[in-house]
Each structure stands twice: as C-alpha cells, then as structure tokens.
C-alpha cells in the first residue's frame, strides 16, 4: 500500500474527504518529525512509540574493495510497536 492508497483507505474509515485525510496525514508526520527533532519521545498507548536513537561512529568494510571505511555517527528515528498492537496479529 502506498501513501495515496493509505490516505484513501483512511478517508473512507474516518468519513473524511481524501483532501482532509491527506492534510491530517501530513500534519501527523510533521508533528512526529518536529517532536523527535526536539529530542522528545512519543508514546501512543495501544499503538507504539517513536524515538531517536544515536549510533556511534564505527569502522566498516567496503564489500567490493575490502577497504576499511569510517562510518560517521548518526541519529535514526525508530518506531516500536506496543504489545497490545502486536497482540492483534498473534492471537
């Protein structure tokens, strides 16, 4: 399912127009990004949590040349589903 298909399905379930569903989706994504950029974690009960995890700098190996390469430290957004959401698929 791509973004447009998701928005159509969301609009149908929420009784929104596709335009309103698209606006709501974009606002949700922007809010998540802004909150994570501030260093805050988002926890949505029954669904999951968003947070930013830091990865330390490390040395990797280029698989083609076998040459050692320095990989810079980075911050990565992470989503973890909550147990109650996981349980929907494991009954």
Protein backbone atom coordinates (compact mmCIF):
# COMPACT_ATOMS: atom_id res chain seq x y z
CA UNK A 1 0.00 0.00 0.00
CA UNK A 2 1.41 3.37 -0.98
CA UNK A 3 0.70 6.77 0.57
CA UNK A 4 -2.20 7.63 -1.74
CA UNK A 5 -3.88 4.26 -1.17
CA UNK A 6 -3.40 4.67 2.58
CA UNK A 7 -4.96 8.13 2.54
CA UNK A 8 -7.94 6.86 0.53
CA UNK A 9 -8.50 3.99 3.00
CA UNK A 10 -8.05 6.34 5.96
CA UNK A 11 -10.54 8.82 4.46
CA UNK A 12 -13.11 6.06 3.94
CA UNK A 13 -12.78 4.76 7.52
CA UNK A 14 -12.82 8.23 9.13
CA UNK A 15 -15.55 9.60 6.84
CA UNK A 16 -13.18 12.37 5.68
CA UNK A 17 -12.61 13.68 2.20
CA UNK A 18 -9.35 12.46 0.67
CA UNK A 19 -8.07 16.04 0.79
CA UNK A 20 -8.78 16.32 4.53
CA UNK A 21 -7.26 12.89 5.18
CA UNK A 22 -4.14 13.96 3.27
CA UNK A 23 -3.88 17.15 5.32
CA UNK A 24 -4.31 15.17 8.56
CA UNK A 25 -1.68 12.63 7.49
CA UNK A 26 0.85 15.32 6.54
CA UNK A 27 0.20 17.14 9.84
CA UNK A 28 0.74 13.91 11.79
CA UNK A 29 4.05 13.22 10.03
CA UNK A 30 5.22 16.82 10.56
CA UNK A 31 4.26 16.70 14.25
CA UNK A 32 6.16 13.44 14.76
CA UNK A 33 9.24 14.82 12.98
CA UNK A 34 9.18 18.12 14.91
CA UNK A 35 8.78 16.34 18.24
CA UNK A 36 11.63 13.91 17.54
CA UNK A 37 13.89 16.77 16.38
CA UNK A 38 13.36 18.36 19.81
CA UNK A 39 14.71 15.17 21.39
CA UNK A 40 11.36 14.10 22.80
CA UNK A 41 9.86 10.61 22.65
CA UNK A 42 6.26 9.97 21.54
CA UNK A 43 4.30 7.16 23.21
CA UNK A 44 0.84 6.30 21.91
CA UNK A 45 -0.87 3.81 24.22
CA UNK A 46 -2.11 0.74 22.38
CA UNK A 47 -0.05 1.53 19.29
CA UNK A 48 3.66 2.14 19.93
CA UNK A 49 6.42 4.66 20.45
CA UNK A 50 8.63 6.87 18.31
CA UNK A 51 12.10 7.94 19.41
CA UNK A 52 15.52 8.88 18.05
CA UNK A 53 18.41 6.53 18.68
CA UNK A 54 22.04 7.52 18.31
CA UNK A 55 24.55 5.32 16.54
CA UNK A 56 28.20 5.79 17.43
CA UNK A 57 30.87 6.27 14.78
CA UNK A 58 32.38 2.98 13.70
CA UNK A 59 34.63 1.33 11.15
CA UNK A 60 33.02 -0.67 8.37
CA UNK A 61 34.35 -2.62 5.42
CA UNK A 62 33.53 -1.89 1.79
CA UNK A 63 32.38 -5.31 0.49
CA UNK A 64 33.69 -4.66 -3.02
CA UNK A 65 37.21 -3.49 -2.18
CA UNK A 66 37.55 -4.93 1.35
CA UNK A 67 38.85 -1.48 2.31
CA UNK A 68 38.11 -0.14 5.80
CA UNK A 69 35.76 2.83 5.83
CA UNK A 70 34.90 5.23 8.66
CA UNK A 71 31.15 5.49 9.22
CA UNK A 72 30.07 8.72 10.92
CA UNK A 73 27.88 8.84 14.00
CA UNK A 74 24.21 9.31 13.18
CA UNK A 75 20.78 9.72 14.70
CA UNK A 76 17.99 7.49 13.42
CA UNK A 77 14.23 7.71 14.04
CA UNK A 78 12.86 4.42 15.35
CA UNK A 79 9.31 3.12 15.80
CA UNK A 80 8.49 0.23 18.12
CA UNK A 81 5.03 -1.31 18.13
CA UNK A 82 3.38 -1.75 21.53
CA UNK A 83 2.46 -5.18 22.87
CA UNK A 84 -1.29 -4.63 22.60
CA UNK A 85 -0.91 -3.77 18.90
CA UNK A 86 1.33 -6.80 18.32
CA UNK A 87 -1.29 -8.98 20.02
CA UNK A 88 -3.75 -8.15 17.21
CA UNK A 89 -1.62 -10.32 14.91
CA UNK A 90 -0.65 -13.08 17.31
CA UNK A 91 -3.93 -14.49 18.61
